C-alpha atoms as a PDB file:
ATOM      1  CA  MET A   1     260.448 164.997 101.139  1.00  0.00           C
ATOM      2  CA  VAL A   2     257.876 166.178 103.571  1.00  0.00           C
ATOM      3  CA  ARG A   3     257.767 169.756 105.062  1.00  0.00           C
ATOM      4  CA  GLN A   4     257.024 169.897 108.645  1.00  0.00           C
ATOM      5  CA  TYR A   5     257.049 173.362 110.470  1.00  0.00           C
ATOM      6  CA  VAL A   6     257.221 173.153 114.191  1.00  0.00           C
ATOM      7  CA  LYS A   7     255.870 175.554 116.948  1.00  0.00           C
ATOM      8  CA  GLY A   8     258.288 177.617 118.459  1.00  0.00           C
ATOM      9  CA  ASP A   9     261.078 177.104 116.265  1.00  0.00           C
ATOM     10  CA  ALA A  10     262.723 179.930 114.212  1.00  0.00           C
ATOM     11  CA  GLN A  11     263.055 177.730 111.464  1.00  0.00           C
ATOM     12  CA  PRO A  12     261.017 174.891 109.917  1.00  0.00           C
ATOM     13  CA  ILE A  13     262.252 171.510 110.499  1.00  0.00           C
ATOM     14  CA  PHE A  14     262.421 170.077 107.298  1.00  0.00           C
ATOM     15  CA  VAL A  15     262.148 165.601 107.784  1.00  0.00           C
ATOM     16  CA  VAL A  16     262.886 163.193 104.782  1.00  0.00           C
ATOM     17  CA  GLY A  17     261.628 159.850 105.132  1.00  0.00           C
ATOM     18  CA  ASP A  18     261.111 158.444 108.029  1.00  0.00           C
ATOM     19  CA  GLY A  19     265.339 156.585 108.080  1.00  0.00           C
ATOM     20  CA  MET A  20     263.584 152.859 106.648  1.00  0.00           C
ATOM     21  CA  LYS A  21     264.116 151.360 103.242  1.00  0.00           C
ATOM     22  CA  ARG A  22     260.405 150.829 101.849  1.00  0.00           C
ATOM     23  CA  GLY A  23     260.850 147.480  99.935  1.00  0.00           C
ATOM     24  CA  PHE A  24     257.774 145.779  97.368  1.00  0.00           C
ATOM     25  CA  THR A  25     255.196 143.623  99.133  1.00  0.00           C
ATOM     26  CA  LEU A  26     254.321 140.415  98.487  1.00  0.00           C
ATOM     27  CA  ALA A  27     251.131 141.870  96.875  1.00  0.00           C
ATOM     28  CA  GLU A  28     252.839 144.250  94.751  1.00  0.00           C
ATOM     29  CA  ILE A  29     255.446 141.717  93.351  1.00  0.00           C
ATOM     30  CA  LEU A  30     252.609 139.609  92.503  1.00  0.00           C
ATOM     31  CA  VAL A  31     250.673 141.727  90.773  1.00  0.00           C
ATOM     32  CA  ALA A  32     253.529 142.935  89.238  1.00  0.00           C
ATOM     33  CA  ALA A  33     253.879 139.293  87.488  1.00  0.00           C
ATOM     34  CA  LEU A  34     250.475 139.211  86.854  1.00  0.00           C
ATOM     35  CA  ILE A  35     251.019 142.660  84.624  1.00  0.00           C
ATOM     36  CA  VAL A  36     253.576 140.803  82.664  1.00  0.00           C
ATOM     37  CA  ALA A  37     251.904 137.320  82.034  1.00  0.00           C
ATOM     38  CA  ILE A  38     249.293 139.088  80.416  1.00  0.00           C
ATOM     39  CA  LEU A  39     251.004 141.286  78.433  1.00  0.00           C
ATOM     40  CA  VAL A  40     252.596 138.331  76.822  1.00  0.00           C
ATOM     41  CA  ALA A  41     249.800 136.153  77.158  1.00  0.00           C
ATOM     42  CA  LEU A  42     248.779 139.033  74.461  1.00  0.00           C
ATOM     43  CA  ALA A  43     251.400 139.725  72.726  1.00  0.00           C
ATOM     44  CA  LEU A  44     252.720 135.631  71.693  1.00  0.00           C
ATOM     45  CA  PRO A  45     249.855 135.195  69.196  1.00  0.00           C
ATOM     46  CA  MET A  46     250.721 138.881  67.179  1.00  0.00           C
ATOM     47  CA  LEU A  47     254.159 137.530  67.450  1.00  0.00           C
ATOM     48  CA  SER A  48     253.474 133.739  65.853  1.00  0.00           C
ATOM     49  CA  SER A  49     251.314 135.191  63.990  1.00  0.00           C
ATOM     50  CA  VAL A  50     253.756 137.879  62.285  1.00  0.00           C
ATOM     51  CA  ARG A  51     256.458 134.833  62.153  1.00  0.00           C
ATOM     52  CA  ASP A  52     254.093 132.447  60.943  1.00  0.00           C
ATOM     53  CA  SER A  53     253.287 135.597  57.925  1.00  0.00           C
ATOM     54  CA  GLY A  54     256.966 135.828  57.469  1.00  0.00           C
ATOM     55  CA  ARG A  55     257.433 131.901  56.877  1.00  0.00           C
ATOM     56  CA  ASP A  56     254.302 131.578  54.509  1.00  0.00           C
ATOM     57  CA  SER A  57     256.330 134.620  52.151  1.00  0.00           C
ATOM     58  CA  VAL A  58     259.523 132.265  52.486  1.00  0.00           C
ATOM     59  CA  SER A  59     257.250 129.170  51.141  1.00  0.00           C
ATOM     60  CA  LEU A  60     255.112 130.869  47.883  1.00  0.00           C
ATOM     61  CA  SER A  61     258.573 132.427  46.821  1.00  0.00           C
ATOM     62  CA  ASN A  62     260.177 129.097  47.221  1.00  0.00           C
ATOM     63  CA  LEU A  63     257.088 127.842  45.458  1.00  0.00           C
ATOM     64  CA  ARG A  64     257.524 129.947  42.576  1.00  0.00           C
ATOM     65  CA  SER A  65     260.743 129.164  42.420  1.00  0.00           C
ATOM     66  CA  HIS A  66     260.433 125.890  41.534  1.00  0.00           C
ATOM     67  CA  ALA A  67     257.529 126.405  39.488  1.00  0.00           C
ATOM     68  CA  THR A  68     259.507 128.524  37.481  1.00  0.00           C
ATOM     69  CA  ILE A  69     262.103 125.572  36.909  1.00  0.00           C
ATOM     70  CA  ILE A  70     259.702 122.748  36.475  1.00  0.00           C
ATOM     71  CA  ASP A  71     259.240 125.163  33.332  1.00  0.00           C
ATOM     72  CA  MET A  72     262.288 124.820  32.243  1.00  0.00           C
ATOM     73  CA  TYR A  73     262.494 121.456  32.499  1.00  0.00           C
ATOM     74  CA  ARG A  74     259.980 121.640  30.286  1.00  0.00           C
ATOM     75  CA  SER A  75     261.817 123.989  27.340  1.00  0.00           C
ATOM     76  CA  ASP A  76     264.472 121.559  27.892  1.00  0.00           C
ATOM     77  CA  TRP A  77     263.050 118.463  27.145  1.00  0.00           C
ATOM     78  CA  ASN A  78     260.208 119.250  24.732  1.00  0.00           C
ATOM     79  CA  ASP A  79     257.510 120.465  27.072  1.00  0.00           C
ATOM     80  CA  THR A  80     257.578 117.195  29.135  1.00  0.00           C
ATOM     81  CA  PHE A  81     257.063 117.589  32.825  1.00  0.00           C
ATOM     82  CA  PRO A  82     259.873 115.599  34.736  1.00  0.00           C
ATOM     83  CA  ALA A  83     258.711 112.097  35.260  1.00  0.00           C
ATOM     84  CA  PHE A  84     261.372 109.399  35.987  1.00  0.00           C
ATOM     85  CA  MET A  85     259.874 106.589  37.087  1.00  0.00           C
ATOM     86  CA  ASP A  86     259.216 103.306  35.027  1.00  0.00           C
ATOM     87  CA  PRO A  87     255.613 102.342  34.750  1.00  0.00           C
ATOM     88  CA  SER A  88     256.133  99.076  33.765  1.00  0.00           C
ATOM     89  CA  SER A  89     257.164  97.914  36.622  1.00  0.00           C
ATOM     90  CA  GLU A  90     256.040  98.287  40.311  1.00  0.00           C
ATOM     91  CA  PHE A  91     259.550  99.933  41.986  1.00  0.00           C
ATOM     92  CA  THR A  92     262.139 101.833  39.900  1.00  0.00           C
ATOM     93  CA  THR A  93     265.988 101.865  40.973  1.00  0.00           C
ATOM     94  CA  LEU A  94     267.578 105.231  40.894  1.00  0.00           C
ATOM     95  CA  ILE A  95     270.935 106.070  41.396  1.00  0.00           C
ATOM     96  CA  ILE A  96     271.459 110.087  42.259  1.00  0.00           C
ATOM     97  CA  GLN A  97     275.107 110.814  43.035  1.00  0.00           C
ATOM     98  CA  GLY A  98     276.122 107.575  44.534  1.00  0.00           C
ATOM     99  CA  HIS A  99     272.650 107.449  46.443  1.00  0.00           C
ATOM    100  CA  GLU A 100     270.324 104.272  45.363  1.00  0.00           C
ATOM    101  CA  PHE A 101     266.656 104.601  45.743  1.00  0.00           C
ATOM    102  CA  ARG A 102     264.422 102.181  45.018  1.00  0.00           C
ATOM    103  CA  MET A 103     260.986 103.786  44.713  1.00  0.00           C
ATOM    104  CA  ARG A 104     257.379 103.585  43.742  1.00  0.00           C
ATOM    105  CA  TYR A 105     256.061 104.746  40.120  1.00  0.00           C
ATOM    106  CA  PHE A 106     254.355 107.699  42.376  1.00  0.00           C
ATOM    107  CA  ASP A 107     257.003 108.102  44.754  1.00  0.00           C
ATOM    108  CA  SER A 108     257.804 110.430  42.217  1.00  0.00           C
ATOM    109  CA  HIS A 109     256.134 113.413  43.536  1.00  0.00           C
ATOM    110  CA  HIS A 110     258.665 113.554  47.160  1.00  0.00           C
ATOM    111  CA  LEU A 111     261.834 112.622  45.380  1.00  0.00           C
ATOM    112  CA  TRP A 112     261.262 114.915  42.719  1.00  0.00           C
ATOM    113  CA  GLN A 113     263.701 117.770  43.655  1.00  0.00           C
ATOM    114  CA  ALA A 114     266.498 115.106  43.908  1.00  0.00           C
ATOM    115  CA  VAL A 115     266.082 113.885  40.350  1.00  0.00           C
ATOM    116  CA  LEU A 116     266.672 117.554  39.235  1.00  0.00           C
ATOM    117  CA  ALA A 117     269.291 118.524  41.405  1.00  0.00           C
ATOM    118  CA  GLU A 118     272.108 117.925  39.637  1.00  0.00           C
ATOM    119  CA  SER A 119     271.070 120.281  36.367  1.00  0.00           C
ATOM    120  CA  TYR A 120     269.024 122.947  38.308  1.00  0.00           C
ATOM    121  CA  TYR A 121     270.100 122.614  41.811  1.00  0.00           C
ATOM    122  CA  ASP A 122     273.568 123.242  42.171  1.00  0.00           C
ATOM    123  CA  GLU A 123     274.300 119.103  42.803  1.00  0.00           C
ATOM    124  CA  LYS A 124     272.760 119.737  46.164  1.00  0.00           C
ATOM    125  CA  ILE A 125     269.688 116.716  46.443  1.00  0.00           C
ATOM    126  CA  MET A 126     268.577 118.546  49.753  1.00  0.00           C
ATOM    127  CA  HIS A 127     268.405 122.342  48.375  1.00  0.00           C
ATOM    128  CA  ARG A 128     267.519 124.449  51.192  1.00  0.00           C
ATOM    129  CA  SER A 129     264.941 126.042  49.279  1.00  0.00           C
ATOM    130  CA  VAL A 130     262.986 122.563  49.508  1.00  0.00           C
ATOM    131  CA  MET A 131     262.215 123.311  53.133  1.00  0.00           C
ATOM    132  CA  ARG A 132     259.418 125.604  54.457  1.00  0.00           C
ATOM    133  CA  PRO A 133     261.056 127.711  57.738  1.00  0.00           C
ATOM    134  CA  GLY A 134     261.049 126.186  60.481  1.00  0.00           C
ATOM    135  CA  ALA A 135     260.082 122.488  59.185  1.00  0.00           C
ATOM    136  CA  GLY A 136     263.296 121.408  59.889  1.00  0.00           C
ATOM    137  CA  TRP A 137     265.182 118.752  57.256  1.00  0.00           C
ATOM    138  CA  SER A 138     262.603 117.365  55.585  1.00  0.00           C
ATOM    139  CA  MET A 139     260.901 117.925  51.935  1.00  0.00           C
ATOM    140  CA  SER A 140     258.735 120.888  52.496  1.00  0.00           C
ATOM    141  CA  TYR A 141     257.171 120.535  48.971  1.00  0.00           C
ATOM    142  CA  PHE A 142     255.250 117.758  47.082  1.00  0.00           C
ATOM    143  CA  TYR A 143     255.094 116.952  43.233  1.00  0.00           C
ATOM    144  CA  SER A 144     252.049 116.498  41.329  1.00  0.00           C
ATOM    145  CA  CYS A 145     250.902 113.490  41.032  1.00  0.00           C
ATOM    146  CA  SER A 146     248.461 114.161  38.279  1.00  0.00           C
ATOM    147  CA  LEU A 147     251.516 115.304  35.899  1.00  0.00           C
ATOM    148  CA  ILE A 148     253.317 111.807  35.543  1.00  0.00           C
ATOM    149  CA  ALA A 149     249.640 110.452  34.683  1.00  0.00           C
ATOM    150  CA  ASP A 150     247.415 110.786  31.364  1.00  0.00           C
ATOM    151  CA  PRO A 151     244.345 113.070  32.026  1.00  0.00           C
ATOM    152  CA  ALA A 152     241.956 110.205  32.160  1.00  0.00           C
ATOM    153  CA  TYR A 153     243.409 108.003  34.482  1.00  0.00           C
ATOM    154  CA  TRP A 154     242.428 110.935  36.945  1.00  0.00           C
ATOM    155  CA  SER A 155     238.794 109.858  36.967  1.00  0.00           C
ATOM    156  CA  TRP A 156     237.015 106.572  37.705  1.00  0.00           C
ATOM    157  CA  GLU A 157     235.174 106.421  34.510  1.00  0.00           C
ATOM    158  CA  THR A 158     238.473 106.056  32.692  1.00  0.00           C
ATOM    159  CA  ARG A 159     240.972 104.932  34.558  1.00  0.00           C
ATOM    160  CA  GLN A 160     242.595 102.024  33.149  1.00  0.00           C
ATOM    161  CA  GLY A 161     245.713 101.528  35.622  1.00  0.00           C
ATOM    162  CA  PRO A 162     249.183 101.854  34.791  1.00  0.00           C
ATOM    163  CA  SER A 163     248.657 101.525  30.746  1.00  0.00           C
ATOM    164  CA  GLN A 164     248.004 105.330  31.385  1.00  0.00           C
ATOM    165  CA  TRP A 165     251.310 106.273  33.601  1.00  0.00           C
ATOM    166  CA  ARG A 166     253.437 108.749  31.223  1.00  0.00           C
ATOM    167  CA  ALA A 167     254.752 112.333  31.476  1.00  0.00           C
ATOM    168  CA  VAL A 168     251.783 114.922  30.908  1.00  0.00           C
ATOM    169  CA  ARG A 169     252.923 117.442  28.612  1.00  0.00           C
ATOM    170  CA  GLY A 170     252.682 121.029  28.613  1.00  0.00           C
ATOM    171  CA  HIS A 171     250.172 121.407  26.034  1.00  0.00           C
ATOM    172  CA  GLU A 172     247.808 118.943  27.961  1.00  0.00           C
ATOM    173  CA  VAL A 173     247.196 121.736  30.949  1.00  0.00           C
ATOM    174  CA  ALA A 174     243.915 123.616  30.531  1.00  0.00           C
ATOM    175  CA  TYR A 175     244.569 125.990  33.588  1.00  0.00           C
ATOM    176  CA  PRO A 176     248.114 126.836  34.190  1.00  0.00           C
ATOM    177  CA  SER A 177     247.155 129.230  37.154  1.00  0.00           C
ATOM    178  CA  LYS A 178     244.522 126.793  38.384  1.00  0.00           C
ATOM    179  CA  LYS A 179     246.734 123.328  38.175  1.00  0.00           C
ATOM    180  CA  ALA A 180     249.186 122.539  40.943  1.00  0.00           C
ATOM    181  CA  ALA A 181     252.073 121.387  39.997  1.00  0.00           C
ATOM    182  CA  LEU A 182     253.940 121.290  43.736  1.00  0.00           C
ATOM    183  CA  VAL A 183     252.304 121.497  46.868  1.00  0.00           C
ATOM    184  CA  GLU A 184     253.095 122.163  50.367  1.00  0.00           C
ATOM    185  CA  ARG A 185     253.741 119.625  52.940  1.00  0.00           C
ATOM    186  CA  GLU A 186     251.251 121.168  55.686  1.00  0.00           C
ATOM    187  CA  PRO A 187     254.003 120.863  58.602  1.00  0.00           C
ATOM    188  CA  VAL A 188     251.466 120.971  61.091  1.00  0.00           C
ATOM    189  CA  THR A 189     248.846 119.478  59.998  1.00  0.00           C
ATOM    190  CA  PRO A 190     247.288 116.599  57.017  1.00  0.00           C
ATOM    191  CA  TYR A 191     247.192 117.715  53.592  1.00  0.00           C
ATOM    192  CA  PHE A 192     244.483 114.603  52.684  1.00  0.00           C
ATOM    193  CA  LEU A 193     240.752 114.605  52.325  1.00  0.00           C
ATOM    194  CA  GLU A 194     240.643 115.963  56.434  1.00  0.00           C
ATOM    195  CA  ARG A 195     243.135 118.852  56.740  1.00  0.00           C
ATOM    196  CA  TYR A 196     242.369 121.502  59.388  1.00  0.00           C
ATOM    197  CA  THR A 197     240.356 124.011  57.987  1.00  0.00           C
ATOM    198  CA  GLY A 198     241.443 127.510  59.379  1.00  0.00           C
ATOM    199  CA  ARG A 199     245.418 127.596  57.449  1.00  0.00           C
ATOM    200  CA  PRO A 200     245.920 128.047  53.395  1.00  0.00           C
ATOM    201  CA  LEU A 201     247.505 125.878  51.718  1.00  0.00           C
ATOM    202  CA  ASN A 202     250.188 127.000  49.871  1.00  0.00           C
ATOM    203  CA  MET A 203     250.713 125.772  45.860  1.00  0.00           C
ATOM    204  CA  GLY A 204     253.511 126.303  43.188  1.00  0.00           C
ATOM    205  CA  PHE A 205     251.531 126.619  40.003  1.00  0.00           C
ATOM    206  CA  VAL A 206     251.927 125.540  36.251  1.00  0.00           C
ATOM    207  CA  ASP A 207     252.010 128.989  35.247  1.00  0.00           C
ATOM    208  CA  GLY A 208     255.235 129.965  37.596  1.00  0.00           C
ATOM    209  CA  SER A 209     252.569 131.589  40.506  1.00  0.00           C
ATOM    210  CA  ALA A 210     252.098 130.353  43.434  1.00  0.00           C
ATOM    211  CA  ARG A 211     248.927 131.285  46.417  1.00  0.00           C
ATOM    212  CA  GLY A 212     247.241 129.590  49.644  1.00  0.00           C
ATOM    213  CA  THR A 213     243.919 129.523  48.822  1.00  0.00           C
ATOM    214  CA  THR A 214     242.054 128.253  52.142  1.00  0.00           C
ATOM    215  CA  GLU A 215     238.938 125.369  52.364  1.00  0.00           C
ATOM    216  CA  PRO A 216     235.961 126.932  50.706  1.00  0.00           C
ATOM    217  CA  GLY A 217     238.140 127.729  47.170  1.00  0.00           C
ATOM    218  CA  LEU A 218     240.189 123.934  47.145  1.00  0.00           C
ATOM    219  CA  ILE A 219     238.738 121.490  44.885  1.00  0.00           C
ATOM    220  CA  MET A 220     238.093 118.440  45.787  1.00  0.00           C
ATOM    221  CA  PRO A 221     240.722 115.529  44.940  1.00  0.00           C
ATOM    222  CA  LEU A 222     239.846 112.461  43.411  1.00  0.00           C
ATOM    223  CA  ARG A 223     238.937 110.659  46.625  1.00  0.00           C
ATOM    224  CA  ASP A 224     241.067 107.051  46.254  1.00  0.00           C
ATOM    225  CA  GLY A 225     244.378 108.882  44.864  1.00  0.00           C
ATOM    226  CA  GLU A 226     246.143 106.894  42.960  1.00  0.00           C
ATOM    227  CA  GLY A 227     244.016 103.799  43.111  1.00  0.00           C
ATOM    228  CA  GLU A 228     245.759 100.436  44.618  1.00  0.00           C
ATOM    229  CA  TYR A 229     247.750  98.959  41.726  1.00  0.00           C
ATOM    230  CA  PRO A 230     251.324  98.084  42.245  1.00  0.00           C
ATOM    231  CA  GLY A 231     253.642 101.057  41.792  1.00  0.00           C
ATOM    232  CA  THR A 232     251.036 103.310  43.539  1.00  0.00           C
ATOM    233  CA  ARG A 233     251.409 105.635  47.214  1.00  0.00           C
ATOM    234  CA  HIS A 234     248.096 107.219  48.081  1.00  0.00           C
ATOM    235  CA  THR A 235     245.169 105.341  48.735  1.00  0.00           C
ATOM    236  CA  ILE A 236     243.027 108.355  49.603  1.00  0.00           C
ATOM    237  CA  GLY A 237     243.495 111.796  47.525  1.00  0.00           C
ATOM    238  CA  ALA A 238     245.528 114.697  48.242  1.00  0.00           C
ATOM    239  CA  TYR A 239     244.513 118.843  47.661  1.00  0.00           C
ATOM    240  CA  GLY A 240     246.679 119.319  44.154  1.00  0.00           C
ATOM    241  CA  LEU A 241     248.442 116.163  43.593  1.00  0.00           C
ATOM    242  CA  HIS A 242     245.450 114.188  42.258  1.00  0.00           C
ATOM    243  CA  THR A 243     243.404 116.683  40.106  1.00  0.00           C
ATOM    244  CA  VAL A 244     240.293 115.725  38.946  1.00  0.00           C
ATOM    245  CA  GLY A 245     241.084 115.427  35.615  1.00  0.00           C
ATOM    246  CA  GLY A 246     244.464 115.282  35.986  1.00  0.00           C
ATOM    247  CA  ALA A 247     246.049 118.360  33.755  1.00  0.00           C
ATOM    248  CA  ARG A 248     242.932 119.407  32.386  1.00  0.00           C
ATOM    249  CA  GLY A 249     241.312 119.711  35.585  1.00  0.00           C
ATOM    250  CA  ARG A 250     241.608 122.897  38.141  1.00  0.00           C
ATOM    251  CA  ASP A 251     243.214 122.229  41.966  1.00  0.00           C
ATOM    252  CA  VAL A 252     241.295 125.780  43.212  1.00  0.00           C
ATOM    253  CA  GLU A 253     238.374 127.459  41.811  1.00  0.00           C
END
């Protein structure tokens, strides 16, 4: 409101506005839109980081639960880790809740939960806890192949072949807090040797713990994985799955 005094008048005259409505100019609108866009761009990385941190927390909780279940299995089966494929045959046919699976020996790494479902997962073949949040309907955690072969198999010098394929026993694990039982399948990047180095790799360990470890703290797996025998799945090593020394080795520093 503008107060204007006109000479000769007895009372001052108050003039409100100029009688016209004034809107935003195009330049003002563009500046406001630019400021909003900048604020959104600054906030997105923080929101993404918070979301990923939350998903990691849930995933680590899942891994601890699964590692505990595997420990329960060992208690129920005379200290033996889960192993359900026939090492003398290239393929094993499993019938799980009416579904038939024809799998190679080391396919156990992604079929483990389906086999344990009836006794340990409320009969749900794809229990929600086997999926990392945001990963969709896919198995997110791989069972370590090093737990279904003799420790000697996981060294080039002592590897003899399928005759060494067997279930490992708990007492053979030399470093329970550093030997992975389960490894998270990374949702974006490869989990093999060429994996992206910026993101921690989440693992569930034999002692029931779980944590994420970045590249410097990961121990290199056996480079040729399970080799090229009939029944193998991976011909390149994967962290946590193909531990050098097998149950007697470590996956993290």
